[in-house]
Amino acid sequence: MYNIDHYLLSRLYTTVTFALLSLYFSLTVLFMYNITSHFYFYIFVLPFFLIVNGILTGSGIEEPVVWYNPDHHIGLRVGTIPIEDAFYGFLLISSIKTLSDFFKNQINKW
């Protein structure tokens, strides 16, 4: 029998990515009124993310610059990019946009 704890620990990249994404969504929904702009922003950034990440993970080059241990992610890929990277990229870009919006609002209050 396969233990769920073993699966989560062996897929640490996946576990951490989705745990942080869940925390981000929870906090954002609690403290912000409009998260829709984050999705639009990410859709704009996504093609560039896919091109750069695709090249880094081996699309169009002989050897990948970045190699992911297959034991640490779930194995689903978009081309050469692990699917977790799309969610990690969303988390990275959205958290920066959230902080930018937060500080912009703080400055406008002064």
N, C-alpha and C. Protein backbone atom coordinates (compact mmCIF):
# COMPACT_ATOMS: atom_id res chain seq x y z
N MET A 1 0.84 -1.18 0.00
CA MET A 1 0.00 0.00 0.00
C MET A 1 0.89 1.25 0.00
N TYR A 2 0.49 2.23 -0.77
CA TYR A 2 1.27 3.45 -0.91
C TYR A 2 0.78 4.47 0.11
N ASN A 3 1.68 4.97 0.91
CA ASN A 3 1.34 5.91 1.96
C ASN A 3 1.30 7.34 1.39
N ILE A 4 0.23 8.08 1.72
CA ILE A 4 0.07 9.44 1.20
C ILE A 4 1.19 10.36 1.70
N ASP A 5 1.65 10.18 2.94
CA ASP A 5 2.75 10.99 3.46
C ASP A 5 4.02 10.78 2.63
N HIS A 6 4.28 9.55 2.28
CA HIS A 6 5.45 9.25 1.44
C HIS A 6 5.31 9.94 0.09
N TYR A 7 4.11 9.89 -0.49
CA TYR A 7 3.88 10.52 -1.79
C TYR A 7 4.10 12.02 -1.71
N LEU A 8 3.54 12.67 -0.68
CA LEU A 8 3.68 14.13 -0.55
C LEU A 8 5.12 14.54 -0.33
N LEU A 9 5.85 13.78 0.48
CA LEU A 9 7.25 14.12 0.73
C LEU A 9 8.14 13.83 -0.47
N SER A 10 7.81 12.77 -1.21
CA SER A 10 8.62 12.46 -2.38
C SER A 10 8.35 13.45 -3.52
N ARG A 11 7.19 14.06 -3.52
CA ARG A 11 6.83 15.08 -4.52
C ARG A 11 6.88 16.46 -3.85
N LEU A 12 8.01 16.76 -3.25
CA LEU A 12 8.15 17.97 -2.44
C LEU A 12 7.90 19.24 -3.26
N TYR A 13 8.41 19.31 -4.46
CA TYR A 13 8.20 20.49 -5.31
C TYR A 13 6.71 20.72 -5.54
N THR A 14 6.00 19.66 -5.88
CA THR A 14 4.56 19.75 -6.10
C THR A 14 3.83 20.14 -4.83
N THR A 15 4.17 19.51 -3.73
CA THR A 15 3.51 19.77 -2.45
C THR A 15 3.71 21.21 -2.01
N VAL A 16 4.93 21.70 -2.06
CA VAL A 16 5.21 23.08 -1.63
C VAL A 16 4.53 24.08 -2.57
N THR A 17 4.59 23.83 -3.87
CA THR A 17 3.97 24.74 -4.83
C THR A 17 2.48 24.88 -4.58
N PHE A 18 1.79 23.76 -4.44
CA PHE A 18 0.34 23.83 -4.27
C PHE A 18 -0.06 24.27 -2.86
N ALA A 19 0.75 24.00 -1.86
CA ALA A 19 0.47 24.49 -0.50
C ALA A 19 0.59 26.01 -0.47
N LEU A 20 1.66 26.56 -1.06
CA LEU A 20 1.83 28.01 -1.10
C LEU A 20 0.77 28.68 -1.97
N LEU A 21 0.40 28.04 -3.05
CA LEU A 21 -0.65 28.58 -3.91
C LEU A 21 -1.99 28.62 -3.18
N SER A 22 -2.28 27.59 -2.42
CA SER A 22 -3.51 27.57 -1.61
C SER A 22 -3.50 28.67 -0.57
N LEU A 23 -2.37 28.85 0.09
CA LEU A 23 -2.24 29.92 1.07
C LEU A 23 -2.39 31.29 0.40
N TYR A 24 -1.76 31.46 -0.74
CA TYR A 24 -1.86 32.72 -1.47
C TYR A 24 -3.30 33.03 -1.83
N PHE A 25 -4.01 32.05 -2.41
CA PHE A 25 -5.41 32.27 -2.78
C PHE A 25 -6.27 32.59 -1.56
N SER A 26 -6.04 31.88 -0.48
CA SER A 26 -6.81 32.13 0.75
C SER A 26 -6.61 33.55 1.25
N LEU A 27 -5.37 33.98 1.34
CA LEU A 27 -5.07 35.32 1.83
C LEU A 27 -5.55 36.40 0.86
N THR A 28 -5.38 36.15 -0.42
CA THR A 28 -5.79 37.13 -1.42
C THR A 28 -7.31 37.30 -1.43
N VAL A 29 -8.03 36.21 -1.35
CA VAL A 29 -9.49 36.30 -1.34
C VAL A 29 -9.97 36.98 -0.07
N LEU A 30 -9.29 36.75 1.04
CA LEU A 30 -9.68 37.39 2.30
C LEU A 30 -9.43 38.89 2.31
N PHE A 31 -8.31 39.32 1.74
CA PHE A 31 -7.89 40.71 1.88
C PHE A 31 -8.02 41.57 0.63
N MET A 32 -8.35 40.97 -0.51
CA MET A 32 -8.49 41.75 -1.74
C MET A 32 -9.88 41.53 -2.31
N TYR A 33 -10.36 42.52 -3.01
CA TYR A 33 -11.69 42.42 -3.59
C TYR A 33 -11.68 41.87 -5.00
N ASN A 34 -10.61 42.10 -5.74
CA ASN A 34 -10.58 41.73 -7.15
C ASN A 34 -9.32 40.94 -7.47
N ILE A 35 -9.47 39.64 -7.61
CA ILE A 35 -8.33 38.79 -7.97
C ILE A 35 -8.32 38.54 -9.48
N THR A 36 -9.38 38.92 -10.17
CA THR A 36 -9.49 38.67 -11.61
C THR A 36 -8.34 39.29 -12.38
N SER A 37 -7.91 40.47 -11.96
CA SER A 37 -6.81 41.14 -12.68
C SER A 37 -5.54 40.30 -12.65
N HIS A 38 -5.36 39.50 -11.61
CA HIS A 38 -4.17 38.64 -11.53
C HIS A 38 -4.19 37.59 -12.63
N PHE A 39 -5.36 37.03 -12.91
CA PHE A 39 -5.47 36.04 -13.97
C PHE A 39 -5.22 36.66 -15.34
N TYR A 40 -5.76 37.86 -15.57
CA TYR A 40 -5.51 38.55 -16.84
C TYR A 40 -4.02 38.87 -16.99
N PHE A 41 -3.42 39.31 -15.92
CA PHE A 41 -1.99 39.63 -15.94
C PHE A 41 -1.17 38.38 -16.26
N TYR A 42 -1.53 37.24 -15.66
CA TYR A 42 -0.78 36.01 -15.89
C TYR A 42 -0.99 35.50 -17.31
N ILE A 43 -2.19 35.65 -17.84
CA ILE A 43 -2.43 35.23 -19.22
C ILE A 43 -1.54 36.02 -20.18
N PHE A 44 -1.32 37.30 -19.86
CA PHE A 44 -0.43 38.13 -20.67
C PHE A 44 1.02 37.65 -20.56
N VAL A 45 1.45 37.23 -19.39
CA VAL A 45 2.83 36.83 -19.13
C VAL A 45 3.09 35.37 -19.56
N LEU A 46 2.05 34.55 -19.58
CA LEU A 46 2.19 33.11 -19.82
C LEU A 46 2.96 32.74 -21.09
N PRO A 47 2.71 33.36 -22.24
CA PRO A 47 3.49 32.97 -23.43
C PRO A 47 5.00 33.16 -23.26
N PHE A 48 5.39 34.26 -22.62
CA PHE A 48 6.81 34.51 -22.38
C PHE A 48 7.39 33.50 -21.40
N PHE A 49 6.60 33.18 -20.38
CA PHE A 49 7.00 32.16 -19.41
C PHE A 49 7.21 30.82 -20.10
N LEU A 50 6.28 30.44 -20.98
CA LEU A 50 6.39 29.15 -21.67
C LEU A 50 7.60 29.11 -22.60
N ILE A 51 7.88 30.20 -23.28
CA ILE A 51 9.04 30.24 -24.19
C ILE A 51 10.34 30.11 -23.40
N VAL A 52 10.50 30.95 -22.38
CA VAL A 52 11.75 30.94 -21.61
C VAL A 52 11.91 29.63 -20.85
N ASN A 53 10.86 29.19 -20.17
CA ASN A 53 10.94 27.96 -19.39
C ASN A 53 11.11 26.75 -20.31
N GLY A 54 10.48 26.80 -21.47
CA GLY A 54 10.65 25.72 -22.44
C GLY A 54 12.10 25.58 -22.89
N ILE A 55 12.73 26.71 -23.17
CA ILE A 55 14.15 26.68 -23.57
C ILE A 55 15.01 26.17 -22.42
N LEU A 56 14.75 26.67 -21.22
CA LEU A 56 15.56 26.25 -20.06
C LEU A 56 15.43 24.75 -19.77
N THR A 57 14.25 24.19 -20.05
CA THR A 57 14.05 22.76 -19.75
C THR A 57 14.32 21.86 -20.95
N GLY A 58 14.85 22.42 -22.03
CA GLY A 58 15.35 21.57 -23.10
C GLY A 58 14.68 21.67 -24.45
N SER A 59 13.70 22.53 -24.63
CA SER A 59 13.07 22.68 -25.95
C SER A 59 14.00 23.43 -26.88
N GLY A 60 14.38 22.79 -27.98
CA GLY A 60 15.19 23.45 -28.98
C GLY A 60 16.68 23.48 -28.69
N ILE A 61 17.13 22.87 -27.60
CA ILE A 61 18.57 22.82 -27.31
C ILE A 61 18.94 21.37 -27.02
N GLU A 62 20.23 21.08 -27.14
CA GLU A 62 20.68 19.69 -26.95
C GLU A 62 20.52 19.22 -25.51
N GLU A 63 21.00 20.01 -24.57
CA GLU A 63 20.94 19.65 -23.15
C GLU A 63 20.17 20.72 -22.39
N PRO A 64 19.26 20.32 -21.50
CA PRO A 64 18.52 21.32 -20.74
C PRO A 64 19.42 22.07 -19.76
N VAL A 65 19.12 23.34 -19.56
CA VAL A 65 19.83 24.14 -18.57
C VAL A 65 19.34 23.77 -17.18
N VAL A 66 18.03 23.55 -17.08
CA VAL A 66 17.39 23.18 -15.81
C VAL A 66 16.85 21.77 -15.95
N TRP A 67 17.18 20.93 -15.01
CA TRP A 67 16.70 19.55 -15.03
C TRP A 67 15.93 19.29 -13.75
N TYR A 68 14.73 18.74 -13.89
CA TYR A 68 13.89 18.41 -12.74
C TYR A 68 13.96 16.92 -12.49
N ASN A 69 14.23 16.55 -11.25
CA ASN A 69 14.23 15.14 -10.87
C ASN A 69 12.81 14.61 -11.02
N PRO A 70 12.60 13.59 -11.84
CA PRO A 70 11.24 13.09 -12.06
C PRO A 70 10.59 12.52 -10.80
N ASP A 71 11.39 12.23 -9.78
CA ASP A 71 10.82 11.74 -8.52
C ASP A 71 10.20 12.86 -7.69
N HIS A 72 10.45 14.12 -8.06
CA HIS A 72 10.00 15.24 -7.24
C HIS A 72 8.81 16.00 -7.81
N HIS A 73 8.28 15.58 -8.95
CA HIS A 73 7.06 16.19 -9.49
C HIS A 73 6.14 15.10 -10.01
N ILE A 74 4.91 15.45 -10.35
CA ILE A 74 3.92 14.43 -10.67
C ILE A 74 4.07 13.82 -12.06
N GLY A 75 4.90 14.40 -12.90
CA GLY A 75 5.19 13.79 -14.19
C GLY A 75 4.41 14.37 -15.36
N LEU A 76 3.41 15.21 -15.11
CA LEU A 76 2.69 15.85 -16.21
C LEU A 76 3.53 17.01 -16.73
N ARG A 77 3.61 17.10 -18.04
CA ARG A 77 4.44 18.14 -18.65
C ARG A 77 3.69 18.83 -19.78
N VAL A 78 4.02 20.10 -19.98
CA VAL A 78 3.60 20.85 -21.16
C VAL A 78 4.87 20.98 -21.99
N GLY A 79 4.99 20.15 -23.00
CA GLY A 79 6.26 20.06 -23.74
C GLY A 79 7.30 19.48 -22.81
N THR A 80 8.31 20.27 -22.50
CA THR A 80 9.36 19.82 -21.58
C THR A 80 9.20 20.41 -20.17
N ILE A 81 8.16 21.21 -19.97
CA ILE A 81 7.98 21.95 -18.71
C ILE A 81 7.06 21.16 -17.78
N PRO A 82 7.51 20.88 -16.55
CA PRO A 82 6.60 20.24 -15.58
C PRO A 82 5.40 21.14 -15.31
N ILE A 83 4.22 20.56 -15.22
CA ILE A 83 2.98 21.32 -15.05
C ILE A 83 3.02 22.19 -13.79
N GLU A 84 3.75 21.74 -12.78
CA GLU A 84 3.85 22.52 -11.54
C GLU A 84 4.47 23.89 -11.78
N ASP A 85 5.32 23.99 -12.80
CA ASP A 85 5.97 25.26 -13.09
C ASP A 85 4.98 26.34 -13.51
N ALA A 86 3.91 25.97 -14.18
CA ALA A 86 2.89 26.95 -14.56
C ALA A 86 2.23 27.52 -13.31
N PHE A 87 1.97 26.66 -12.33
CA PHE A 87 1.37 27.13 -11.08
C PHE A 87 2.38 27.91 -10.24
N TYR A 88 3.62 27.46 -10.25
CA TYR A 88 4.67 28.20 -9.54
C TYR A 88 4.85 29.58 -10.17
N GLY A 89 4.84 29.63 -11.49
CA GLY A 89 4.95 30.91 -12.19
C GLY A 89 3.80 31.84 -11.86
N PHE A 90 2.58 31.29 -11.80
CA PHE A 90 1.43 32.10 -11.41
C PHE A 90 1.62 32.64 -10.00
N LEU A 91 2.06 31.79 -9.09
CA LEU A 91 2.29 32.21 -7.71
C LEU A 91 3.35 33.31 -7.64
N LEU A 92 4.43 33.14 -8.37
CA LEU A 92 5.51 34.13 -8.38
C LEU A 92 5.04 35.48 -8.92
N ILE A 93 4.43 35.47 -10.09
CA ILE A 93 3.99 36.71 -10.73
C ILE A 93 2.86 37.36 -9.92
N SER A 94 1.90 36.58 -9.47
CA SER A 94 0.76 37.13 -8.73
C SER A 94 1.15 37.69 -7.38
N SER A 95 2.08 37.04 -6.70
CA SER A 95 2.49 37.56 -5.40
C SER A 95 3.22 38.90 -5.56
N ILE A 96 3.99 39.04 -6.63
CA ILE A 96 4.66 40.32 -6.90
C ILE A 96 3.62 41.39 -7.23
N LYS A 97 2.63 41.04 -8.05
CA LYS A 97 1.57 41.99 -8.39
C LYS A 97 0.76 42.36 -7.15
N THR A 98 0.48 41.40 -6.28
CA THR A 98 -0.26 41.67 -5.05
C THR A 98 0.51 42.65 -4.16
N LEU A 99 1.79 42.39 -3.98
CA LEU A 99 2.61 43.30 -3.16
C LEU A 99 2.68 44.69 -3.79
N SER A 100 2.81 44.75 -5.10
CA SER A 100 2.84 46.03 -5.79
C SER A 100 1.53 46.79 -5.57
N ASP A 101 0.40 46.11 -5.73
CA ASP A 101 -0.91 46.74 -5.50
C ASP A 101 -1.05 47.19 -4.05
N PHE A 102 -0.59 46.38 -3.13
CA PHE A 102 -0.70 46.71 -1.72
C PHE A 102 0.09 47.98 -1.40
N PHE A 103 1.35 48.03 -1.84
CA PHE A 103 2.18 49.20 -1.56
C PHE A 103 1.68 50.45 -2.29
N LYS A 104 1.14 50.28 -3.49
CA LYS A 104 0.56 51.40 -4.21
C LYS A 104 -0.61 51.99 -3.42
N ASN A 105 -1.45 51.12 -2.86
CA ASN A 105 -2.57 51.58 -2.04
C ASN A 105 -2.09 52.26 -0.77
N GLN A 106 -1.02 51.76 -0.17
CA GLN A 106 -0.49 52.37 1.03
C GLN A 106 0.07 53.76 0.75
N ILE A 107 0.74 53.92 -0.38
CA ILE A 107 1.30 55.22 -0.75
C ILE A 107 0.16 56.22 -1.04
N ASN A 108 -0.90 55.74 -1.69
CA ASN A 108 -2.03 56.63 -2.01
C ASN A 108 -2.77 57.07 -0.77
N LYS A 109 -2.69 56.31 0.32
CA LYS A 109 -3.35 56.69 1.56
C LYS A 109 -2.63 57.84 2.26
N TRP A 110 -1.33 58.02 1.99
CA TRP A 110 -0.56 59.08 2.62
C TRP A 110 -1.01 60.38 2.05
